[in-house]
Amino acid sequence: MPLYEYLCLECRRISEHLVFREEDFTPYCRRCGSQKVRKLISRVRVRLSLDSRLERLADPALLSGLDEEDPRRVRRFMEKMGAEFGEELGDDFEEVLGEAEEEMEKELSREGGSEEGDGGEGETD
């Protein structure tokens, strides 16, 4: 079932229509109702089989930039996987990654602060 897009020549809005039989369909603007529309060339979406999607995810290049110690990179990787399978990560996942990011920032600030603190403590003794 193709999805067609039409540009309204009156109000300049784009309307999408799911068309079962093109010969039985008269395109119109969903916003203003005008039949003065022009068919647009749309992007094509291809639905992949589960095997094809899993094969894509097994590509070693996909894992090359993954640093499991960096929560932001893990988040991007998981979002990509979720998009591939059409699922959202959920609130629990967002909460866990948020906590991991906070912990990482605290650790980085402690590392930066301990170097300055060590030098300061040596001067006062």
PDB file of N, CA and C in Angstrom:
ATOM      1  N   MET A   1       0.842  -1.174   0.000  1.00  0.00           N
ATOM      2  CA  MET A   1       0.000   0.000   0.000  1.00  0.00           C
ATOM      3  C   MET A   1       0.884   1.233   0.000  1.00  0.00           C
ATOM      4  N   PRO A   2       0.919   1.927  -1.077  1.00  0.00           N
ATOM      5  CA  PRO A   2       1.794   3.101  -1.148  1.00  0.00           C
ATOM      6  C   PRO A   2       1.218   4.307  -0.419  1.00  0.00           C
ATOM      7  N   LEU A   3       2.126   5.090   0.127  1.00  0.00           N
ATOM      8  CA  LEU A   3       1.795   6.341   0.778  1.00  0.00           C
ATOM      9  C   LEU A   3       2.283   7.451  -0.138  1.00  0.00           C
ATOM     10  N   TYR A   4       1.342   8.273  -0.616  1.00  0.00           N
ATOM     11  CA  TYR A   4       1.689   9.350  -1.535  1.00  0.00           C
ATOM     12  C   TYR A   4       1.621  10.689  -0.814  1.00  0.00           C
ATOM     13  N   GLU A   5       2.501  11.614  -1.230  1.00  0.00           N
ATOM     14  CA  GLU A   5       2.508  12.970  -0.694  1.00  0.00           C
ATOM     15  C   GLU A   5       2.154  13.941  -1.807  1.00  0.00           C
ATOM     16  N   TYR A   6       1.358  14.941  -1.428  1.00  0.00           N
ATOM     17  CA  TYR A   6       0.924  15.961  -2.385  1.00  0.00           C
ATOM     18  C   TYR A   6       1.145  17.331  -1.774  1.00  0.00           C
ATOM     19  N   LEU A   7       1.647  18.265  -2.594  1.00  0.00           N
ATOM     20  CA  LEU A   7       1.826  19.649  -2.182  1.00  0.00           C
ATOM     21  C   LEU A   7       0.619  20.438  -2.645  1.00  0.00           C
ATOM     22  N   CYS A   8      -0.031  21.137  -1.722  1.00  0.00           N
ATOM     23  CA  CYS A   8      -1.190  21.958  -2.070  1.00  0.00           C
ATOM     24  C   CYS A   8      -0.691  23.251  -2.706  1.00  0.00           C
ATOM     25  N   LEU A   9      -1.215  23.571  -3.849  1.00  0.00           N
ATOM     26  CA  LEU A   9      -0.812  24.786  -4.549  1.00  0.00           C
ATOM     27  C   LEU A   9      -1.534  26.014  -4.001  1.00  0.00           C
ATOM     28  N   GLU A  10      -2.529  25.807  -3.164  1.00  0.00           N
ATOM     29  CA  GLU A  10      -3.259  26.905  -2.533  1.00  0.00           C
ATOM     30  C   GLU A  10      -2.596  27.330  -1.208  1.00  0.00           C
ATOM     31  N   CYS A  11      -2.465  26.384  -0.270  1.00  0.00           N
ATOM     32  CA  CYS A  11      -1.963  26.734   1.069  1.00  0.00           C
ATOM     33  C   CYS A  11      -0.514  26.283   1.303  1.00  0.00           C
ATOM     34  N   ARG A  12       0.093  25.587   0.329  1.00  0.00           N
ATOM     35  CA  ARG A  12       1.497  25.166   0.359  1.00  0.00           C
ATOM     36  C   ARG A  12       1.797  24.116   1.433  1.00  0.00           C
ATOM     37  N   ARG A  13       0.788  23.411   1.913  1.00  0.00           N
ATOM     38  CA  ARG A  13       0.978  22.339   2.889  1.00  0.00           C
ATOM     39  C   ARG A  13       1.122  21.012   2.165  1.00  0.00           C
ATOM     40  N   ILE A  14       1.778  20.062   2.823  1.00  0.00           N
ATOM     41  CA  ILE A  14       1.941  18.724   2.262  1.00  0.00           C
ATOM     42  C   ILE A  14       0.940  17.797   2.935  1.00  0.00           C
ATOM     43  N   SER A  15       0.238  17.024   2.131  1.00  0.00           N
ATOM     44  CA  SER A  15      -0.721  16.040   2.644  1.00  0.00           C
ATOM     45  C   SER A  15      -0.263  14.652   2.244  1.00  0.00           C
ATOM     46  N   GLU A  16      -0.407  13.715   3.172  1.00  0.00           N
ATOM     47  CA  GLU A  16      -0.086  12.310   2.891  1.00  0.00           C
ATOM     48  C   GLU A  16      -1.398  11.548   2.735  1.00  0.00           C
ATOM     49  N   HIS A  17      -1.402  10.636   1.781  1.00  0.00           N
ATOM     50  CA  HIS A  17      -2.581   9.793   1.554  1.00  0.00           C
ATOM     51  C   HIS A  17      -2.134   8.359   1.332  1.00  0.00           C
ATOM     52  N   LEU A  18      -2.787   7.439   2.030  1.00  0.00           N
ATOM     53  CA  LEU A  18      -2.582   6.015   1.821  1.00  0.00           C
ATOM     54  C   LEU A  18      -3.541   5.618   0.706  1.00  0.00           C
ATOM     55  N   VAL A  19      -2.978   5.165  -0.410  1.00  0.00           N
ATOM     56  CA  VAL A  19      -3.795   4.925  -1.603  1.00  0.00           C
ATOM     57  C   VAL A  19      -3.795   3.431  -1.925  1.00  0.00           C
ATOM     58  N   PHE A  20      -4.998   2.864  -1.912  1.00  0.00           N
ATOM     59  CA  PHE A  20      -5.131   1.444  -2.240  1.00  0.00           C
ATOM     60  C   PHE A  20      -5.141   1.237  -3.750  1.00  0.00           C
ATOM     61  N   ARG A  21      -5.952   2.034  -4.440  1.00  0.00           N
ATOM     62  CA  ARG A  21      -6.017   1.970  -5.906  1.00  0.00           C
ATOM     63  C   ARG A  21      -5.951   3.393  -6.433  1.00  0.00           C
ATOM     64  N   GLU A  22      -4.879   3.703  -7.121  1.00  0.00           N
ATOM     65  CA  GLU A  22      -4.648   5.070  -7.582  1.00  0.00           C
ATOM     66  C   GLU A  22      -5.734   5.558  -8.536  1.00  0.00           C
ATOM     67  N   GLU A  23      -6.300   4.645  -9.343  1.00  0.00           N
ATOM     68  CA  GLU A  23      -7.332   5.062 -10.299  1.00  0.00           C
ATOM     69  C   GLU A  23      -8.637   5.442  -9.604  1.00  0.00           C
ATOM     70  N   ASP A  24      -8.854   5.016  -8.359  1.00  0.00           N
ATOM     71  CA  ASP A  24     -10.066   5.355  -7.623  1.00  0.00           C
ATOM     72  C   ASP A  24      -9.873   6.547  -6.677  1.00  0.00           C
ATOM     73  N   PHE A  25      -8.699   7.176  -6.730  1.00  0.00           N
ATOM     74  CA  PHE A  25      -8.367   8.220  -5.762  1.00  0.00           C
ATOM     75  C   PHE A  25      -8.219   9.570  -6.441  1.00  0.00           C
ATOM     76  N   THR A  26      -8.838  10.587  -5.843  1.00  0.00           N
ATOM     77  CA  THR A  26      -8.663  11.971  -6.294  1.00  0.00           C
ATOM     78  C   THR A  26      -7.930  12.708  -5.185  1.00  0.00           C
ATOM     79  N   PRO A  27      -6.677  13.128  -5.425  1.00  0.00           N
ATOM     80  CA  PRO A  27      -5.897  13.773  -4.374  1.00  0.00           C
ATOM     81  C   PRO A  27      -6.477  15.136  -3.980  1.00  0.00           C
ATOM     82  N   TYR A  28      -6.308  15.481  -2.705  1.00  0.00           N
ATOM     83  CA  TYR A  28      -6.784  16.758  -2.190  1.00  0.00           C
ATOM     84  C   TYR A  28      -5.915  17.157  -1.003  1.00  0.00           C
ATOM     85  N   CYS A  29      -6.022  18.413  -0.615  1.00  0.00           N
ATOM     86  CA  CYS A  29      -5.284  18.922   0.542  1.00  0.00           C
ATOM     87  C   CYS A  29      -6.091  18.625   1.796  1.00  0.00           C
ATOM     88  N   ARG A  30      -5.458  17.995   2.749  1.00  0.00           N
ATOM     89  CA  ARG A  30      -6.139  17.666   4.010  1.00  0.00           C
ATOM     90  C   ARG A  30      -6.404  18.919   4.842  1.00  0.00           C
ATOM     91  N   ARG A  31      -5.664  20.002   4.606  1.00  0.00           N
ATOM     92  CA  ARG A  31      -5.831  21.215   5.416  1.00  0.00           C
ATOM     93  C   ARG A  31      -6.949  22.103   4.875  1.00  0.00           C
ATOM     94  N   CYS A  32      -6.883  22.424   3.589  1.00  0.00           N
ATOM     95  CA  CYS A  32      -7.862  23.377   3.048  1.00  0.00           C
ATOM     96  C   CYS A  32      -8.886  22.729   2.119  1.00  0.00           C
ATOM     97  N   GLY A  33      -8.666  21.453   1.751  1.00  0.00           N
ATOM     98  CA  GLY A  33      -9.625  20.744   0.909  1.00  0.00           C
ATOM     99  C   GLY A  33      -9.453  20.962  -0.588  1.00  0.00           C
ATOM    100  N   SER A  34      -8.505  21.778  -0.973  1.00  0.00           N
ATOM    101  CA  SER A  34      -8.288  22.074  -2.387  1.00  0.00           C
ATOM    102  C   SER A  34      -7.836  20.830  -3.152  1.00  0.00           C
ATOM    103  N   GLN A  35      -8.284  20.741  -4.401  1.00  0.00           N
ATOM    104  CA  GLN A  35      -7.822  19.652  -5.261  1.00  0.00           C
ATOM    105  C   GLN A  35      -6.697  20.114  -6.186  1.00  0.00           C
ATOM    106  N   LYS A  36      -6.237  21.336  -5.988  1.00  0.00           N
ATOM    107  CA  LYS A  36      -5.098  21.863  -6.738  1.00  0.00           C
ATOM    108  C   LYS A  36      -3.829  21.428  -6.007  1.00  0.00           C
ATOM    109  N   VAL A  37      -3.384  20.228  -6.293  1.00  0.00           N
ATOM    110  CA  VAL A  37      -2.215  19.655  -5.628  1.00  0.00           C
ATOM    111  C   VAL A  37      -1.259  19.080  -6.659  1.00  0.00           C
ATOM    112  N   ARG A  38      -0.005  18.962  -6.244  1.00  0.00           N
ATOM    113  CA  ARG A  38       1.015  18.372  -7.110  1.00  0.00           C
ATOM    114  C   ARG A  38       1.645  17.202  -6.365  1.00  0.00           C
ATOM    115  N   LYS A  39       1.762  16.082  -7.031  1.00  0.00           N
ATOM    116  CA  LYS A  39       2.346  14.890  -6.426  1.00  0.00           C
ATOM    117  C   LYS A  39       3.845  15.113  -6.225  1.00  0.00           C
ATOM    118  N   LEU A  40       4.325  14.737  -5.049  1.00  0.00           N
ATOM    119  CA  LEU A  40       5.736  14.895  -4.721  1.00  0.00           C
ATOM    120  C   LEU A  40       6.453  13.557  -4.825  1.00  0.00           C
ATOM    121  N   ILE A  41       7.731  13.638  -5.074  1.00  0.00           N
ATOM    122  CA  ILE A  41       8.568  12.438  -5.044  1.00  0.00           C
ATOM    123  C   ILE A  41       9.004  12.276  -3.595  1.00  0.00           C
ATOM    124  N   SER A  42       8.631  11.175  -3.009  1.00  0.00           N
ATOM    125  CA  SER A  42       8.888  10.936  -1.591  1.00  0.00           C
ATOM    126  C   SER A  42      10.050   9.976  -1.417  1.00  0.00           C
ATOM    127  N   ARG A  43      10.566   9.973  -0.191  1.00  0.00           N
ATOM    128  CA  ARG A  43      11.580   8.991   0.148  1.00  0.00           C
ATOM    129  C   ARG A  43      10.937   7.618   0.215  1.00  0.00           C
ATOM    130  N   VAL A  44      11.701   6.633  -0.109  1.00  0.00           N
ATOM    131  CA  VAL A  44      11.211   5.261  -0.075  1.00  0.00           C
ATOM    132  C   VAL A  44      11.659   4.622   1.225  1.00  0.00           C
ATOM    133  N   ARG A  45      10.730   3.944   1.889  1.00  0.00           N
ATOM    134  CA  ARG A  45      11.067   3.195   3.088  1.00  0.00           C
ATOM    135  C   ARG A  45      10.999   1.716   2.754  1.00  0.00           C
ATOM    136  N   VAL A  46      12.042   1.011   3.119  1.00  0.00           N
ATOM    137  CA  VAL A  46      12.094  -0.421   2.850  1.00  0.00           C
ATOM    138  C   VAL A  46      12.008  -1.146   4.188  1.00  0.00           C
ATOM    139  N   ARG A  47      11.104  -2.056   4.250  1.00  0.00           N
ATOM    140  CA  ARG A  47      10.959  -2.843   5.474  1.00  0.00           C
ATOM    141  C   ARG A  47      11.885  -4.052   5.380  1.00  0.00           C
ATOM    142  N   LEU A  48      12.785  -4.167   6.357  1.00  0.00           N
ATOM    143  CA  LEU A  48      13.757  -5.252   6.353  1.00  0.00           C
ATOM    144  C   LEU A  48      13.271  -6.411   7.217  1.00  0.00           C
ATOM    145  N   SER A  49      13.699  -7.583   6.854  1.00  0.00           N
ATOM    146  CA  SER A  49      13.372  -8.767   7.659  1.00  0.00           C
ATOM    147  C   SER A  49      14.179  -8.727   8.944  1.00  0.00           C
ATOM    148  N   LEU A  50      13.773  -9.516   9.919  1.00  0.00           N
ATOM    149  CA  LEU A  50      14.496  -9.590  11.182  1.00  0.00           C
ATOM    150  C   LEU A  50      15.934 -10.047  10.951  1.00  0.00           C
ATOM    151  N   ASP A  51      16.121 -11.016  10.062  1.00  0.00           N
ATOM    152  CA  ASP A  51      17.471 -11.497   9.758  1.00  0.00           C
ATOM    153  C   ASP A  51      18.348 -10.375   9.210  1.00  0.00           C
ATOM    154  N   SER A  52      17.792  -9.562   8.320  1.00  0.00           N
ATOM    155  CA  SER A  52      18.564  -8.457   7.734  1.00  0.00           C
ATOM    156  C   SER A  52      18.940  -7.432   8.793  1.00  0.00           C
ATOM    157  N   ARG A  53      17.999  -7.124   9.700  1.00  0.00           N
ATOM    158  CA  ARG A  53      18.294  -6.153  10.753  1.00  0.00           C
ATOM    159  C   ARG A  53      19.364  -6.688  11.706  1.00  0.00           C
ATOM    160  N   LEU A  54      19.271  -7.966  12.061  1.00  0.00           N
ATOM    161  CA  LEU A  54      20.285  -8.559  12.945  1.00  0.00           C
ATOM    162  C   LEU A  54      21.648  -8.589  12.273  1.00  0.00           C
ATOM    163  N   GLU A  55      21.659  -8.852  10.978  1.00  0.00           N
ATOM    164  CA  GLU A  55      22.911  -8.865  10.225  1.00  0.00           C
ATOM    165  C   GLU A  55      23.556  -7.486  10.233  1.00  0.00           C
ATOM    166  N   ARG A  56      22.747  -6.437  10.084  1.00  0.00           N
ATOM    167  CA  ARG A  56      23.266  -5.071  10.133  1.00  0.00           C
ATOM    168  C   ARG A  56      23.891  -4.773  11.490  1.00  0.00           C
ATOM    169  N   LEU A  57      23.219  -5.214  12.561  1.00  0.00           N
ATOM    170  CA  LEU A  57      23.723  -4.944  13.907  1.00  0.00           C
ATOM    171  C   LEU A  57      24.988  -5.725  14.225  1.00  0.00           C
ATOM    172  N   ALA A  58      25.234  -6.815  13.520  1.00  0.00           N
ATOM    173  CA  ALA A  58      26.431  -7.624  13.748  1.00  0.00           C
ATOM    174  C   ALA A  58      27.661  -7.042  13.054  1.00  0.00           C
ATOM    175  N   ASP A  59      27.494  -5.978  12.306  1.00  0.00           N
ATOM    176  CA  ASP A  59      28.597  -5.347  11.589  1.00  0.00           C
ATOM    177  C   ASP A  59      29.625  -4.821  12.605  1.00  0.00           C
ATOM    178  N   PRO A  60      30.890  -5.280  12.534  1.00  0.00           N
ATOM    179  CA  PRO A  60      31.909  -4.831  13.491  1.00  0.00           C
ATOM    180  C   PRO A  60      32.136  -3.324  13.470  1.00  0.00           C
ATOM    181  N   ALA A  61      31.877  -2.678  12.359  1.00  0.00           N
ATOM    182  CA  ALA A  61      32.066  -1.231  12.278  1.00  0.00           C
ATOM    183  C   ALA A  61      31.113  -0.503  13.227  1.00  0.00           C
ATOM    184  N   LEU A  62      29.957  -1.089  13.476  1.00  0.00           N
ATOM    185  CA  LEU A  62      28.978  -0.486  14.372  1.00  0.00           C
ATOM    186  C   LEU A  62      29.511  -0.433  15.802  1.00  0.00           C
ATOM    187  N   LEU A  63      30.297  -1.408  16.183  1.00  0.00           N
ATOM    188  CA  LEU A  63      30.816  -1.492  17.545  1.00  0.00           C
ATOM    189  C   LEU A  63      32.154  -0.783  17.727  1.00  0.00           C
ATOM    190  N   SER A  64      32.765  -0.321  16.641  1.00  0.00           N
ATOM    191  CA  SER A  64      34.111   0.247  16.727  1.00  0.00           C
ATOM    192  C   SER A  64      34.181   1.485  17.610  1.00  0.00           C
ATOM    193  N   GLY A  65      33.161   2.321  17.626  1.00  0.00           N
ATOM    194  CA  GLY A  65      33.207   3.538  18.433  1.00  0.00           C
ATOM    195  C   GLY A  65      32.567   3.379  19.794  1.00  0.00           C
ATOM    196  N   LEU A  66      32.176   2.166  20.156  1.00  0.00           N
ATOM    197  CA  LEU A  66      31.474   1.954  21.417  1.00  0.00           C
ATOM    198  C   LEU A  66      32.462   1.851  22.572  1.00  0.00           C
ATOM    199  N   ASP A  67      32.314   2.745  23.533  1.00  0.00           N
ATOM    200  CA  ASP A  67      33.107   2.712  24.758  1.00  0.00           C
ATOM    201  C   ASP A  67      32.128   2.462  25.894  1.00  0.00           C
ATOM    202  N   GLU A  68      32.121   1.231  26.424  1.00  0.00           N
ATOM    203  CA  GLU A  68      31.135   0.867  27.435  1.00  0.00           C
ATOM    204  C   GLU A  68      31.308   1.631  28.737  1.00  0.00           C
ATOM    205  N   GLU A  69      32.409   2.353  28.881  1.00  0.00           N
ATOM    206  CA  GLU A  69      32.637   3.167  30.071  1.00  0.00           C
ATOM    207  C   GLU A  69      32.006   4.558  29.939  1.00  0.00           C
ATOM    208  N   ASP A  70      31.582   4.915  28.732  1.00  0.00           N
ATOM    209  CA  ASP A  70      31.000   6.232  28.491  1.00  0.00           C
ATOM    210  C   ASP A  70      29.486   6.082  28.319  1.00  0.00           C
ATOM    211  N   PRO A  71      28.691   6.501  29.317  1.00  0.00           N
ATOM    212  CA  PRO A  71      27.236   6.323  29.239  1.00  0.00           C
ATOM    213  C   PRO A  71      26.595   7.010  28.042  1.00  0.00           C
ATOM    214  N   ARG A  72      27.173   8.124  27.595  1.00  0.00           N
ATOM    215  CA  ARG A  72      26.595   8.815  26.433  1.00  0.00           C
ATOM    216  C   ARG A  72      26.723   7.982  25.170  1.00  0.00           C
ATOM    217  N   ARG A  73      27.861   7.335  25.004  1.00  0.00           N
ATOM    218  CA  ARG A  73      28.041   6.478  23.826  1.00  0.00           C
ATOM    219  C   ARG A  73      27.171   5.229  23.907  1.00  0.00           C
ATOM    220  N   VAL A  74      27.014   4.702  25.112  1.00  0.00           N
ATOM    221  CA  VAL A  74      26.138   3.550  25.298  1.00  0.00           C
ATOM    222  C   VAL A  74      24.707   3.945  24.961  1.00  0.00           C
ATOM    223  N   ARG A  75      24.293   5.134  25.395  1.00  0.00           N
ATOM    224  CA  ARG A  75      22.947   5.630  25.100  1.00  0.00           C
ATOM    225  C   ARG A  75      22.726   5.716  23.589  1.00  0.00           C
ATOM    226  N   ARG A  76      23.683   6.310  22.875  1.00  0.00           N
ATOM    227  CA  ARG A  76      23.538   6.440  21.418  1.00  0.00           C
ATOM    228  C   ARG A  76      23.433   5.072  20.751  1.00  0.00           C
ATOM    229  N   PHE A  77      24.264   4.133  21.207  1.00  0.00           N
ATOM    230  CA  PHE A  77      24.233   2.792  20.647  1.00  0.00           C
ATOM    231  C   PHE A  77      22.878   2.130  20.902  1.00  0.00           C
ATOM    232  N   MET A  78      22.386   2.245  22.126  1.00  0.00           N
ATOM    233  CA  MET A  78      21.102   1.631  22.474  1.00  0.00           C
ATOM    234  C   MET A  78      19.945   2.301  21.740  1.00  0.00           C
ATOM    235  N   GLU A  79      20.013   3.614  21.556  1.00  0.00           N
ATOM    236  CA  GLU A  79      18.971   4.304  20.796  1.00  0.00           C
ATOM    237  C   GLU A  79      18.957   3.822  19.350  1.00  0.00           C
ATOM    238  N   LYS A  80      20.146   3.611  18.807  1.00  0.00           N
ATOM    239  CA  LYS A  80      20.233   3.113  17.434  1.00  0.00           C
ATOM    240  C   LYS A  80      19.632   1.709  17.336  1.00  0.00           C
ATOM    241  N   MET A  81      19.939   0.872  18.297  1.00  0.00           N
ATOM    242  CA  MET A  81      19.380  -0.479  18.303  1.00  0.00           C
ATOM    243  C   MET A  81      17.862  -0.436  18.482  1.00  0.00           C
ATOM    244  N   GLY A  82      17.394   0.429  19.378  1.00  0.00           N
ATOM    245  CA  GLY A  82      15.956   0.562  19.595  1.00  0.00           C
ATOM    246  C   GLY A  82      15.246   1.039  18.348  1.00  0.00           C
ATOM    247  N   ALA A  83      15.853   1.996  17.642  1.00  0.00           N
ATOM    248  CA  ALA A  83      15.255   2.497  16.396  1.00  0.00           C
ATOM    249  C   ALA A  83      15.217   1.398  15.341  1.00  0.00           C
ATOM    250  N   GLU A  84      16.237   0.572  15.320  1.00  0.00           N
ATOM    251  CA  GLU A  84      16.293  -0.524  14.345  1.00  0.00           C
ATOM    252  C   GLU A  84      15.156  -1.513  14.559  1.00  0.00           C
ATOM    253  N   PHE A  85      14.774  -1.697  15.823  1.00  0.00           N
ATOM    254  CA  PHE A  85      13.714  -2.650  16.138  1.00  0.00           C
ATOM    255  C   PHE A  85      12.386  -1.979  16.441  1.00  0.00           C
ATOM    256  N   GLY A  86      12.347  -0.644  16.330  1.00  0.00           N
ATOM    257  CA  GLY A  86      11.098   0.076  16.516  1.00  0.00           C
ATOM    258  C   GLY A  86      10.615   0.114  17.950  1.00  0.00           C
ATOM    259  N   GLU A  87      11.544   0.122  18.891  1.00  0.00           N
ATOM    260  CA  GLU A  87      11.166   0.139  20.297  1.00  0.00           C
ATOM    261  C   GLU A  87      11.881   1.274  21.012  1.00  0.00           C
ATOM    262  N   GLU A  88      11.180   1.825  22.009  1.00  0.00           N
ATOM    263  CA  GLU A  88      11.785   2.858  22.834  1.00  0.00           C
ATOM    264  C   GLU A  88      12.527   2.199  23.983  1.00  0.00           C
ATOM    265  N   LEU A  89      13.483   2.923  24.543  1.00  0.00           N
ATOM    266  CA  LEU A  89      14.295   2.364  25.615  1.00  0.00           C
ATOM    267  C   LEU A  89      13.547   2.310  26.940  1.00  0.00           C
ATOM    268  N   GLY A  90      12.634   3.218  27.159  1.00  0.00           N
ATOM    269  CA  GLY A  90      11.848   3.208  28.387  1.00  0.00           C
ATOM    270  C   GLY A  90      12.430   4.088  29.463  1.00  0.00           C
ATOM    271  N   ASP A  91      11.583   4.421  30.445  1.00  0.00           N
ATOM    272  CA  ASP A  91      11.978   5.320  31.531  1.00  0.00           C
ATOM    273  C   ASP A  91      13.049   4.718  32.432  1.00  0.00           C
ATOM    274  N   ASP A  92      12.963   3.417  32.691  1.00  0.00           N
ATOM    275  CA  ASP A  92      13.953   2.774  33.557  1.00  0.00           C
ATOM    276  C   ASP A  92      15.353   2.892  32.975  1.00  0.00           C
ATOM    277  N   PHE A  93      15.458   2.669  31.668  1.00  0.00           N
ATOM    278  CA  PHE A  93      16.759   2.760  31.008  1.00  0.00           C
ATOM    279  C   PHE A  93      17.282   4.186  31.073  1.00  0.00           C
ATOM    280  N   GLU A  94      16.403   5.161  30.831  1.00  0.00           N
ATOM    281  CA  GLU A  94      16.808   6.571  30.890  1.00  0.00           C
ATOM    282  C   GLU A  94      17.313   6.921  32.288  1.00  0.00           C
ATOM    283  N   GLU A  95      16.642   6.411  33.317  1.00  0.00           N
ATOM    284  CA  GLU A  95      17.036   6.693  34.692  1.00  0.00           C
ATOM    285  C   GLU A  95      18.410   6.100  35.007  1.00  0.00           C
ATOM    286  N   VAL A  96      18.639   4.861  34.592  1.00  0.00           N
ATOM    287  CA  VAL A  96      19.924   4.200  34.847  1.00  0.00           C
ATOM    288  C   VAL A  96      21.052   4.938  34.130  1.00  0.00           C
ATOM    289  N   LEU A  97      20.836   5.310  32.866  1.00  0.00           N
ATOM    290  CA  LEU A  97      21.883   6.030  32.141  1.00  0.00           C
ATOM    291  C   LEU A  97      22.118   7.414  32.731  1.00  0.00           C
ATOM    292  N   GLY A  98      21.048   8.064  33.180  1.00  0.00           N
ATOM    293  CA  GLY A  98      21.204   9.378  33.812  1.00  0.00           C
ATOM    294  C   GLY A  98      22.063   9.280  35.061  1.00  0.00           C
ATOM    295  N   GLU A  99      21.817   8.261  35.876  1.00  0.00           N
ATOM    296  CA  GLU A  99      22.619   8.052  37.080  1.00  0.00           C
ATOM    297  C   GLU A  99      24.068   7.746  36.730  1.00  0.00           C
ATOM    298  N   ALA A 100      24.274   6.949  35.696  1.00  0.00           N
ATOM    299  CA  ALA A 100      25.637   6.616  35.276  1.00  0.00           C
ATOM    300  C   ALA A 100      26.375   7.865  34.788  1.00  0.00           C
ATOM    301  N   GLU A 101      25.683   8.721  34.052  1.00  0.00           N
ATOM    302  CA  GLU A 101      26.309   9.955  33.577  1.00  0.00           C
ATOM    303  C   GLU A 101      26.686  10.855  34.747  1.00  0.00           C
ATOM    304  N   GLU A 102      25.784  10.972  35.738  1.00  0.00           N
ATOM    305  CA  GLU A 102      26.082  11.787  36.922  1.00  0.00           C
ATOM    306  C   GLU A 102      27.296  11.235  37.673  1.00  0.00           C
ATOM    307  N   GLU A 103      27.327   9.923  37.833  1.00  0.00           N
ATOM    308  CA  GLU A 103      28.443   9.277  38.536  1.00  0.00           C
ATOM    309  C   GLU A 103      29.756   9.513  37.796  1.00  0.00           C
ATOM    310  N   MET A 104      29.707   9.444  36.472  1.00  0.00           N
ATOM    311  CA  MET A 104      30.912   9.658  35.669  1.00  0.00           C
ATOM    312  C   MET A 104      31.400  11.105  35.820  1.00  0.00           C
ATOM    313  N   GLU A 105      30.458  12.057  35.816  1.00  0.00           N
ATOM    314  CA  GLU A 105      30.832  13.458  35.977  1.00  0.00           C
ATOM    315  C   GLU A 105      31.437  13.712  37.364  1.00  0.00           C
ATOM    316  N   LYS A 106      30.857  13.088  38.409  1.00  0.00           N
ATOM    317  CA  LYS A 106      31.407  13.231  39.762  1.00  0.00           C
ATOM    318  C   LYS A 106      32.826  12.681  39.824  1.00  0.00           C
ATOM    319  N   GLU A 107      33.019  11.513  39.207  1.00  0.00           N
ATOM    320  CA  GLU A 107      34.342  10.881  39.217  1.00  0.00           C
ATOM    321  C   GLU A 107      35.369  11.757  38.505  1.00  0.00           C
ATOM    322  N   LEU A 108      34.968  12.323  37.366  1.00  0.00           N
ATOM    323  CA  LEU A 108      35.884  13.201  36.631  1.00  0.00           C
ATOM    324  C   LEU A 108      36.203  14.454  37.429  1.00  0.00           C
ATOM    325  N   SER A 109      35.216  15.013  38.127  1.00  0.00           N
ATOM    326  CA  SER A 109      35.485  16.214  38.914  1.00  0.00           C
ATOM    327  C   SER A 109      36.356  15.893  40.129  1.00  0.00           C
ATOM    328  N   ARG A 110      36.174  14.683  40.710  1.00  0.00           N
ATOM    329  CA  ARG A 110      37.031  14.278  41.840  1.00  0.00           C
ATOM    330  C   ARG A 110      38.471  14.112  41.374  1.00  0.00           C
ATOM    331  N   GLU A 111      38.641  13.503  40.193  1.00  0.00           N
ATOM    332  CA  GLU A 111      40.000  13.317  39.666  1.00  0.00           C
ATOM    333  C   GLU A 111      40.665  14.654  39.428  1.00  0.00           C
ATOM    334  N   GLY A 112      39.923  15.593  38.862  1.00  0.00           N
ATOM    335  CA  GLY A 112      40.468  16.931  38.625  1.00  0.00           C
ATOM    336  C   GLY A 112      40.715  17.670  39.922  1.00  0.00           C
ATOM    337  N   GLY A 113      39.804  17.525  40.888  1.00  0.00           N
ATOM    338  CA  GLY A 113      39.925  18.210  42.178  1.00  0.00           C
ATOM    339  C   GLY A 113      41.001  17.622  43.057  1.00  0.00           C
ATOM    340  N   SER A 114      41.240  16.313  42.994  1.00  0.00           N
ATOM    341  CA  SER A 114      42.239  15.690  43.865  1.00  0.00           C
ATOM    342  C   SER A 114      43.644  16.111  43.477  1.00  0.00           C
ATOM    343  N   GLU A 115      43.877  16.353  42.200  1.00  0.00           N
ATOM    344  CA  GLU A 115      45.206  16.798  41.781  1.00  0.00           C
ATOM    345  C   GLU A 115      45.496  18.186  42.332  1.00  0.00           C
ATOM    346  N   GLU A 116      44.473  19.069  42.279  1.00  0.00           N
ATOM    347  CA  GLU A 116      44.669  20.416  42.805  1.00  0.00           C
ATOM    348  C   GLU A 116      44.793  20.362  44.317  1.00  0.00           C
ATOM    349  N   GLY A 117      43.975  19.533  44.960  1.00  0.00           N
ATOM    350  CA  GLY A 117      43.986  19.422  46.425  1.00  0.00           C
ATOM    351  C   GLY A 117      45.300  18.860  46.938  1.00  0.00           C
ATOM    352  N   ASP A 118      45.894  17.903  46.236  1.00  0.00           N
ATOM    353  CA  ASP A 118      47.160  17.318  46.669  1.00  0.00           C
ATOM    354  C   ASP A 118      48.249  18.379  46.712  1.00  0.00           C
ATOM    355  N   GLY A 119      48.266  19.218  45.663  1.00  0.00           N
ATOM    356  CA  GLY A 119      49.297  20.259  45.607  1.00  0.00           C
ATOM    357  C   GLY A 119      49.091  21.259  46.722  1.00  0.00           C
ATOM    358  N   GLY A 120      47.846  21.620  47.021  1.00  0.00           N
ATOM    359  CA  GLY A 120      47.535  22.588  48.057  1.00  0.00           C
ATOM    360  C   GLY A 120      47.863  22.048  49.431  1.00  0.00           C
ATOM    361  N   GLU A 121      47.615  20.747  49.689  1.00  0.00           N
ATOM    362  CA  GLU A 121      47.887  20.168  50.992  1.00  0.00           C
ATOM    363  C   GLU A 121      49.398  20.121  51.241  1.00  0.00           C
ATOM    364  N   GLY A 122      50.164  19.853  50.191  1.00  0.00           N
ATOM    365  CA  GLY A 122      51.624  19.783  50.350  1.00  0.00           C
ATOM    366  C   GLY A 122      52.208  21.125  50.732  1.00  0.00           C
ATOM    367  N   GLU A 123      51.598  22.205  50.276  1.00  0.00           N
ATOM    368  CA  GLU A 123      52.115  23.538  50.567  1.00  0.00           C
ATOM    369  C   GLU A 123      51.827  23.952  52.000  1.00  0.00           C
ATOM    370  N   THR A 124      50.700  23.475  52.575  1.00  0.00           N
ATOM    371  CA  THR A 124      50.369  23.919  53.937  1.00  0.00           C
ATOM    372  C   THR A 124      51.119  23.138  54.994  1.00  0.00           C
ATOM    373  N   ASP A 125      51.652  21.946  54.695  1.00  0.00           N
ATOM    374  CA  ASP A 125      52.367  21.152  55.717  1.00  0.00           C
ATOM    375  C   ASP A 125      53.728  21.629  55.932  1.00  0.00           C
TER     376      ASP A 125
END
